[in-house]
Amino acid sequence: MQPLTLKTLGAVAFALAACTLLATPALAQGGGTATAPTRLEPFATGLSHPWGLAFLPDGSMLVTERQGTMRRVSADGRQVSAPLLGVPAVQARNQGGLLDVVVAADFATEPWVWWTYAEPGTGDEAGLAGTAVARGKLVGDELRDVQVIFRQQPKVRGSGHFGARLVFDRDGRHLFVTLGERQLDGTARPGREWAQNPAVGMGKVVRIARDGTPAGASPAIPGGFPGLWSLGHRNPQGAALHPRTGELWLVEHGPQGGDELNIARAGHNYGWPLHSYGCSYGAPVGEACRVGGGTHGPGFVEPLTFWGPISIAPSGMAFYTADRYPAWRGNLFVGALLGQGLWRIVLDGDRVAAREEVLTDTRDRIRDVRQGPDGRLYLLTDRPDGRILRTAP
């Protein structure tokens, strides 16, 4: 497939596209082929800032809403339930709230649900918050036997950068949890490079068992807390397991530019806040101001690809493994909040061969991307009147 020039989108859009540097070759915009969809269609409405989506064995789905509610959407999209009972209190402010949700492959016999949320502090921690993981058994319209199985430590002030994606590993016995650095990143607050501190939970990926027991990196990171898998992340809000290798892939927000796609490998350091292809807030956007000079340097992992100088604000992501769209099989799809679209990433092993923005007609903030049991892609739009969209037949 040969790279093509961007379609003319008008003077303003063209100027924006021209200043966006791609770290890998671009494909044609628009994304239509004989074996790939060319548009999205509404599937379900009546949601408020939906954040995470998980399919159940009967084709229905659980959807979280940032304000602290979880709902069940019917398999045909026509019914959206009342909020499920049993969800604990969340700090629903700015980027915080009820966040991701997943179920395991054995849900039909063990109906556990796992979710992440911004957990408010109490007592001496009043006014503070941190990412937490809880689980409960779904019985009818209620989550029962709810228990918090992981807490990001320490809780801090602020309401940004919770990370909070959940991904089961290949055997379904462990969960990866992405943790944002809570904007304690060394550039916004000099000297507080917590994402590089292995003893605290900011800017990390952790691995835990289904009951929360730590199951961290091997070899262990020196000085790391139990369960620590990798460090040096900024705000990883998209994560998915590679269908062939079983490795965890994630996308994370840069500051001004510098959004990254990485493979989160055990014991590795991804450089934030010491190195980034983005620019610190307050600095003029451009190559000269990249944090740490741009390359990640010895001891830090280079991203597979990055976006800059204009950020797309990447969110949920999914590998496409179905047969419905043969042209897309094996591709990676990433939602964009600022870019308001969906990115298709073509892979050659672990190398990004090309990428393009596809299905751009909605211009919605895309919060999550999932492959459905019917082989279509399902997208959540992050807005007060949020929707589930899906690729058209």
Protein backbone atom coordinates (compact mmCIF):
# COMPACT_ATOMS: atom_id res chain seq x y z
CA MET A 1 0.00 0.00 0.00
CA GLN A 2 1.58 3.27 -1.10
CA PRO A 3 1.39 6.50 0.95
CA LEU A 4 -0.84 9.18 -0.61
CA THR A 5 -1.14 12.91 0.02
CA LEU A 6 -3.84 14.25 2.33
CA LYS A 7 -7.11 15.24 0.78
CA THR A 8 -7.76 18.96 0.64
CA LEU A 9 -9.87 19.78 3.65
CA GLY A 10 -9.96 23.56 3.34
CA ALA A 11 -7.39 26.12 4.30
CA VAL A 12 -7.74 25.83 8.08
CA ALA A 13 -7.72 22.04 8.22
CA PHE A 14 -4.87 21.88 5.74
CA ALA A 15 -2.76 24.21 7.86
CA LEU A 16 -3.40 22.06 10.93
CA ALA A 17 -2.49 18.87 9.07
CA ALA A 18 0.65 20.45 7.67
CA CYS A 19 2.02 21.30 11.09
CA THR A 20 1.40 17.82 12.51
CA LEU A 21 4.61 15.80 12.21
CA LEU A 22 4.15 12.07 11.80
CA ALA A 23 6.79 9.74 13.22
CA THR A 24 5.77 7.04 10.70
CA PRO A 25 4.48 7.04 7.11
CA ALA A 26 0.88 8.16 6.63
CA LEU A 27 -1.79 6.41 4.62
CA ALA A 28 -4.56 8.19 2.79
CA GLN A 29 -7.21 9.85 4.96
CA GLY A 30 -10.75 8.46 4.79
CA GLY A 31 -9.95 4.78 5.12
CA GLY A 32 -12.45 3.23 2.70
CA THR A 33 -11.62 0.00 0.87
CA ALA A 34 -13.73 -2.82 -0.47
CA THR A 35 -13.06 -4.79 2.69
CA ALA A 36 -13.18 -2.03 5.32
CA PRO A 37 -16.06 0.17 6.55
CA THR A 38 -16.35 3.75 5.37
CA ARG A 39 -18.63 5.18 8.04
CA LEU A 40 -19.94 4.87 11.59
CA GLU A 41 -23.56 4.51 12.68
CA PRO A 42 -25.24 5.28 16.03
CA PHE A 43 -25.79 2.17 18.14
CA ALA A 44 -26.94 3.46 21.56
CA THR A 45 -27.66 6.86 23.09
CA GLY A 46 -28.60 8.26 26.48
CA LEU A 47 -25.16 8.05 28.11
CA SER A 48 -23.29 10.79 29.96
CA HIS A 49 -19.54 10.95 29.40
CA PRO A 50 -19.15 7.18 28.89
CA TRP A 51 -15.59 6.02 29.66
CA GLY A 52 -15.24 2.23 29.48
CA LEU A 53 -17.08 -0.61 27.74
CA ALA A 54 -17.04 -4.38 28.29
CA PHE A 55 -18.99 -6.98 26.30
CA LEU A 56 -20.84 -9.73 28.16
CA PRO A 57 -21.36 -13.28 26.80
CA ASP A 58 -24.94 -12.55 25.67
CA GLY A 59 -23.82 -9.62 23.52
CA SER A 60 -24.97 -6.93 25.94
CA MET A 61 -22.38 -4.61 27.40
CA LEU A 62 -21.45 -2.77 30.56
CA VAL A 63 -20.67 0.93 30.16
CA THR A 64 -19.23 3.23 32.80
CA GLU A 65 -20.17 6.90 33.05
CA ARG A 66 -17.64 9.28 34.48
CA GLN A 67 -20.02 10.77 37.05
CA GLY A 68 -20.04 7.42 38.90
CA THR A 69 -22.68 5.22 37.30
CA MET A 70 -22.46 1.93 35.43
CA ARG A 71 -25.18 0.82 33.04
CA ARG A 72 -26.03 -2.25 30.99
CA VAL A 73 -26.77 -1.74 27.29
CA SER A 74 -28.76 -4.43 25.47
CA ALA A 75 -27.22 -6.40 22.63
CA ASP A 76 -29.29 -4.48 20.08
CA GLY A 77 -28.48 -1.09 21.65
CA ARG A 78 -32.13 -0.21 22.19
CA GLN A 79 -32.20 -0.43 25.98
CA VAL A 80 -29.94 1.37 28.45
CA SER A 81 -30.53 0.27 32.04
CA ALA A 82 -30.84 2.36 35.14
CA PRO A 83 -27.55 2.69 37.07
CA LEU A 84 -26.41 -0.59 38.58
CA LEU A 85 -26.42 -0.75 42.36
CA GLY A 86 -23.27 -1.29 44.40
CA VAL A 87 -20.77 1.08 42.74
CA PRO A 88 -18.71 2.84 45.43
CA ALA A 89 -18.39 6.62 45.66
CA VAL A 90 -16.05 8.24 43.14
CA GLN A 91 -14.37 11.62 42.86
CA ALA A 92 -16.21 12.81 39.76
CA ARG A 93 -14.23 15.95 39.00
CA ASN A 94 -12.34 16.99 35.87
CA GLN A 95 -10.70 13.75 34.59
CA GLY A 96 -11.68 11.74 37.67
CA GLY A 97 -14.71 9.54 38.12
CA LEU A 98 -15.82 6.02 37.23
CA LEU A 99 -13.40 4.89 34.54
CA ASP A 100 -12.64 1.52 32.91
CA VAL A 101 -14.50 -1.80 33.20
CA VAL A 102 -13.62 -5.37 32.19
CA VAL A 103 -14.92 -8.91 32.64
CA ALA A 104 -13.01 -12.19 32.38
CA ALA A 105 -13.52 -14.97 29.84
CA ASP A 106 -15.23 -17.13 32.49
CA PHE A 107 -17.92 -14.53 33.26
CA ALA A 108 -20.74 -16.96 32.42
CA THR A 109 -19.81 -19.12 35.43
CA GLU A 110 -17.98 -16.52 37.57
CA PRO A 111 -19.81 -13.21 36.98
CA TRP A 112 -17.11 -10.93 38.40
CA VAL A 113 -16.73 -7.39 37.08
CA TRP A 114 -13.58 -5.30 37.59
CA TRP A 115 -13.50 -1.51 37.27
CA THR A 116 -11.24 1.47 37.96
CA TYR A 117 -12.21 4.79 39.47
CA ALA A 118 -10.90 7.93 41.13
CA GLU A 119 -11.22 7.02 44.79
CA PRO A 120 -11.72 10.00 47.13
CA GLY A 121 -9.74 10.06 50.35
CA THR A 122 -11.34 10.11 53.80
CA GLY A 123 -10.16 11.22 57.22
CA ASP A 124 -6.60 12.52 57.01
CA GLU A 125 -6.76 12.03 53.21
CA ALA A 126 -9.91 14.12 52.73
CA GLY A 127 -9.60 16.17 49.55
CA LEU A 128 -7.10 13.74 48.02
CA ALA A 129 -7.70 11.02 45.42
CA GLY A 130 -6.03 8.15 43.62
CA THR A 131 -6.80 5.45 41.07
CA ALA A 132 -8.38 2.36 42.61
CA VAL A 133 -9.48 -1.04 41.29
CA ALA A 134 -12.62 -2.74 42.62
CA ARG A 135 -14.47 -5.89 41.73
CA GLY A 136 -17.97 -7.21 42.38
CA LYS A 137 -20.31 -9.98 41.23
CA LEU A 138 -23.02 -8.88 38.83
CA VAL A 139 -26.37 -10.27 39.98
CA GLY A 140 -29.31 -8.79 38.11
CA ASP A 141 -28.98 -5.03 38.36
CA GLU A 142 -26.60 -5.06 41.33
CA LEU A 143 -22.87 -5.48 41.94
CA ARG A 144 -22.50 -7.58 45.08
CA ASP A 145 -19.57 -8.56 47.32
CA VAL A 146 -17.78 -5.39 46.19
CA GLN A 147 -14.18 -5.13 47.35
CA VAL A 148 -11.40 -2.67 46.55
CA ILE A 149 -8.43 -4.81 45.48
CA PHE A 150 -5.84 -2.16 44.56
CA ARG A 151 -5.14 1.46 45.50
CA GLN A 152 -2.64 3.85 43.94
CA GLN A 153 -0.43 5.18 46.72
CA PRO A 154 -0.13 7.82 47.92
CA LYS A 155 -3.35 9.71 47.28
CA VAL A 156 -2.68 13.29 46.18
CA ARG A 157 -4.52 16.50 45.38
CA GLY A 158 -5.68 17.25 41.89
CA SER A 159 -8.14 15.72 39.46
CA GLY A 160 -6.06 14.83 36.40
CA HIS A 161 -4.09 11.95 34.88
CA PHE A 162 -5.57 8.87 36.50
CA GLY A 163 -4.63 6.51 33.64
CA ALA A 164 -6.92 3.69 34.72
CA ARG A 165 -7.11 1.18 31.86
CA LEU A 166 -7.56 -2.49 32.76
CA VAL A 167 -6.36 -5.40 30.60
CA PHE A 168 -6.37 -9.13 31.38
CA ASP A 169 -3.23 -11.04 30.47
CA ARG A 170 -3.37 -13.95 28.05
CA ASP A 171 -4.24 -16.64 30.60
CA GLY A 172 -6.85 -14.47 32.32
CA ARG A 173 -5.27 -14.87 35.75
CA HIS A 174 -3.76 -11.40 36.05
CA LEU A 175 -4.78 -7.82 35.37
CA PHE A 176 -2.61 -4.99 34.09
CA VAL A 177 -3.55 -1.57 35.50
CA THR A 178 -2.26 1.69 33.98
CA LEU A 179 -1.65 4.53 36.43
CA GLY A 180 -1.25 8.17 35.43
CA GLU A 181 1.35 10.34 37.17
CA ARG A 182 -1.42 12.62 38.49
CA GLN A 183 0.40 15.63 36.97
CA LEU A 184 3.20 15.36 39.51
CA ASP A 185 5.58 15.18 36.63
CA GLY A 186 8.68 17.27 37.15
CA THR A 187 7.79 19.73 34.38
CA ALA A 188 4.63 21.11 35.92
CA ARG A 189 6.10 20.79 39.42
CA PRO A 190 9.91 20.84 39.29
CA GLY A 191 11.69 18.32 41.47
CA ARG A 192 8.74 15.98 41.88
CA GLU A 193 9.52 13.37 39.26
CA TRP A 194 7.27 10.74 40.78
CA ALA A 195 6.88 8.77 37.56
CA GLN A 196 10.58 7.86 37.96
CA ASN A 197 10.22 6.92 41.64
CA PRO A 198 9.65 3.13 41.85
CA ALA A 199 8.34 3.38 45.41
CA VAL A 200 5.15 5.32 44.52
CA GLY A 201 2.22 4.53 42.27
CA MET A 202 2.32 7.51 39.89
CA GLY A 203 3.19 7.00 36.22
CA LYS A 204 3.33 3.22 36.38
CA VAL A 205 1.88 -0.01 35.06
CA VAL A 206 1.12 -2.63 37.70
CA ARG A 207 0.11 -6.28 37.44
CA ILE A 208 -2.15 -7.90 39.99
CA ALA A 209 -3.97 -11.20 40.36
CA ARG A 210 -7.76 -11.28 40.00
CA ASP A 211 -8.11 -10.81 43.76
CA GLY A 212 -5.57 -7.96 43.88
CA THR A 213 -2.53 -9.95 44.99
CA PRO A 214 0.58 -8.22 43.55
CA ALA A 215 2.20 -9.99 40.59
CA GLY A 216 4.79 -7.51 39.36
CA ALA A 217 7.69 -7.52 36.95
CA SER A 218 10.28 -10.23 36.72
CA PRO A 219 13.01 -9.29 37.27
CA ALA A 220 11.74 -6.92 39.90
CA ILE A 221 12.46 -3.20 39.59
CA PRO A 222 14.92 -2.21 42.35
CA GLY A 223 13.07 -0.35 45.09
CA GLY A 224 9.73 -1.00 43.47
CA PHE A 225 6.48 -1.54 45.35
CA PRO A 226 4.72 -4.94 45.08
CA GLY A 227 3.04 -5.39 41.72
CA LEU A 228 5.13 -2.80 39.85
CA TRP A 229 5.54 -3.77 36.17
CA SER A 230 6.98 -0.71 34.37
CA LEU A 231 7.59 2.98 35.08
CA GLY A 232 8.19 6.36 33.45
CA HIS A 233 4.68 6.71 32.00
CA ARG A 234 2.74 9.96 31.83
CA ASN A 235 -0.96 9.24 31.42
CA PRO A 236 -1.67 5.91 29.68
CA GLN A 237 -5.38 5.96 28.86
CA GLY A 238 -5.41 3.25 26.21
CA ALA A 239 -4.16 -0.33 26.57
CA ALA A 240 -4.66 -3.67 24.84
CA LEU A 241 -3.05 -7.09 24.70
CA HIS A 242 -1.30 -8.03 21.47
CA PRO A 243 -3.24 -11.02 20.08
CA ARG A 244 -0.13 -12.88 18.91
CA THR A 245 2.60 -12.07 21.46
CA GLY A 246 0.41 -11.53 24.53
CA GLU A 247 2.35 -8.35 25.35
CA LEU A 248 0.71 -5.23 26.75
CA TRP A 249 0.60 -2.29 24.33
CA LEU A 250 -0.45 1.15 25.50
CA VAL A 251 -0.86 4.73 24.34
CA GLU A 252 -0.18 7.66 26.62
CA HIS A 253 -0.74 11.38 26.52
CA GLY A 254 2.21 13.68 25.96
CA PRO A 255 2.18 17.29 27.18
CA GLN A 256 2.15 19.58 24.10
CA GLY A 257 2.63 16.83 21.52
CA GLY A 258 4.61 13.70 22.27
CA ASP A 259 1.71 11.25 22.57
CA GLU A 260 3.31 7.80 22.52
CA LEU A 261 2.60 4.20 21.54
CA ASN A 262 4.64 1.76 23.66
CA ILE A 263 4.95 -1.91 24.51
CA ALA A 264 4.92 -2.06 28.31
CA ARG A 265 7.57 -4.69 29.07
CA ALA A 266 8.49 -5.95 32.50
CA GLY A 267 11.05 -3.83 34.30
CA HIS A 268 11.38 -1.19 31.56
CA ASN A 269 11.47 2.60 31.96
CA TYR A 270 9.67 4.80 29.40
CA GLY A 271 11.34 8.09 30.27
CA TRP A 272 8.69 10.47 31.59
CA PRO A 273 9.27 13.18 32.73
CA LEU A 274 12.97 13.21 31.85
CA HIS A 275 12.50 12.57 28.12
CA SER A 276 9.57 13.19 25.79
CA TYR A 277 8.86 14.20 22.20
CA GLY A 278 6.41 16.75 23.61
CA CYS A 279 6.99 20.25 24.94
CA SER A 280 6.41 21.44 28.48
CA TYR A 281 3.31 23.52 29.04
CA GLY A 282 4.10 27.19 28.63
CA ALA A 283 6.87 26.53 26.10
CA PRO A 284 6.36 27.24 22.39
CA VAL A 285 5.42 24.09 20.50
CA GLY A 286 8.17 22.74 18.25
CA GLU A 287 11.10 20.39 18.00
CA ALA A 288 13.53 22.67 19.85
CA CYS A 289 11.59 22.50 23.12
CA ARG A 290 11.15 18.73 23.38
CA VAL A 291 11.58 17.55 26.96
CA GLY A 292 15.06 16.15 27.43
CA GLY A 293 16.00 16.93 23.85
CA GLY A 294 13.54 14.62 22.12
CA THR A 295 15.17 11.19 22.11
CA HIS A 296 14.68 9.08 25.19
CA GLY A 297 18.36 8.30 25.67
CA PRO A 298 20.20 5.40 27.31
CA GLY A 299 18.14 3.49 29.86
CA PHE A 300 14.79 4.67 28.50
CA VAL A 301 12.60 2.95 25.92
CA GLU A 302 11.88 4.76 22.65
CA PRO A 303 8.19 4.79 21.63
CA LEU A 304 7.09 2.77 18.61
CA THR A 305 5.57 5.96 17.22
CA PHE A 306 4.58 9.38 18.51
CA TRP A 307 2.34 12.28 17.51
CA GLY A 308 3.62 15.83 17.43
CA PRO A 309 3.87 18.74 17.60
CA ILE A 310 0.06 18.65 17.72
CA SER A 311 -1.34 16.18 20.26
CA ILE A 312 -4.24 13.86 19.41
CA ALA A 313 -4.90 13.02 23.11
CA PRO A 314 -5.08 9.22 22.60
CA SER A 315 -7.54 7.17 24.62
CA GLY A 316 -8.97 3.65 24.28
CA MET A 317 -7.40 1.20 21.85
CA ALA A 318 -8.02 -2.26 20.40
CA PHE A 319 -6.35 -4.76 18.09
CA TYR A 320 -8.61 -5.91 15.27
CA THR A 321 -8.65 -9.71 15.04
CA ALA A 322 -11.98 -10.52 13.35
CA ASP A 323 -12.66 -11.63 9.78
CA ARG A 324 -15.43 -9.11 9.03
CA TYR A 325 -12.99 -6.52 7.63
CA PRO A 326 -10.07 -8.45 6.10
CA ALA A 327 -8.15 -5.27 5.22
CA TRP A 328 -8.03 -4.36 8.91
CA ARG A 329 -7.08 -7.73 10.39
CA GLY A 330 -4.00 -7.35 12.60
CA ASN A 331 -4.26 -3.55 12.72
CA LEU A 332 -4.32 -1.47 15.89
CA PHE A 333 -7.00 1.19 16.43
CA VAL A 334 -6.64 4.16 18.79
CA GLY A 335 -9.32 6.67 19.75
CA ALA A 336 -8.50 10.38 19.93
CA LEU A 337 -10.02 12.97 22.22
CA LEU A 338 -8.38 16.14 20.92
CA GLY A 339 -8.08 14.78 17.40
CA GLN A 340 -11.73 13.65 17.61
CA GLY A 341 -11.32 10.59 15.48
CA LEU A 342 -10.01 7.07 15.13
CA TRP A 343 -6.47 6.17 14.14
CA ARG A 344 -5.61 2.98 12.25
CA ILE A 345 -2.05 1.73 12.79
CA VAL A 346 -0.60 -0.85 10.41
CA LEU A 347 2.03 -3.10 11.98
CA ASP A 348 4.96 -5.11 10.69
CA GLY A 349 5.73 -7.24 13.74
CA ASP A 350 6.52 -4.73 16.50
CA ARG A 351 7.24 -1.98 13.98
CA VAL A 352 4.69 0.68 12.99
CA ALA A 353 4.64 0.52 9.20
CA ALA A 354 2.03 3.23 8.60
CA ARG A 355 -0.91 4.98 10.19
CA GLU A 356 -3.95 6.98 9.10
CA GLU A 357 -6.98 8.70 10.56
CA VAL A 358 -10.17 6.86 9.54
CA LEU A 359 -13.94 7.25 9.98
CA THR A 360 -13.63 10.97 10.62
CA ASP A 361 -17.21 11.96 9.80
CA THR A 362 -18.43 12.17 13.43
CA ARG A 363 -15.76 14.52 14.84
CA ASP A 364 -16.56 13.31 18.35
CA ARG A 365 -14.17 12.83 21.25
CA ILE A 366 -13.52 9.08 21.14
CA ARG A 367 -12.98 7.73 24.66
CA ASP A 368 -12.91 3.96 24.13
CA VAL A 369 -12.57 1.47 21.26
CA ARG A 370 -13.62 -2.18 21.46
CA GLN A 371 -14.05 -5.02 19.00
CA GLY A 372 -17.52 -6.50 19.31
CA PRO A 373 -18.51 -10.16 19.05
CA ASP A 374 -19.96 -9.35 15.59
CA GLY A 375 -16.56 -8.23 14.30
CA ARG A 376 -17.45 -4.53 14.25
CA LEU A 377 -15.64 -1.78 16.12
CA TYR A 378 -17.60 -0.03 18.87
CA LEU A 379 -16.63 3.48 20.00
CA LEU A 380 -17.65 5.58 23.00
CA THR A 381 -18.07 9.35 22.53
CA ASP A 382 -17.06 11.44 25.53
CA ARG A 383 -19.71 14.13 25.84
CA PRO A 384 -22.73 14.90 28.07
CA ASP A 385 -25.03 13.28 25.49
CA GLY A 386 -22.60 10.44 24.85
CA ARG A 387 -23.24 7.63 22.39
CA ILE A 388 -21.98 4.24 21.35
CA LEU A 389 -21.07 4.25 17.68
CA ARG A 390 -20.19 1.22 15.59
CA THR A 391 -18.82 0.56 12.14
CA ALA A 392 -21.63 0.32 9.64
CA PRO A 393 -22.49 -2.99 7.91
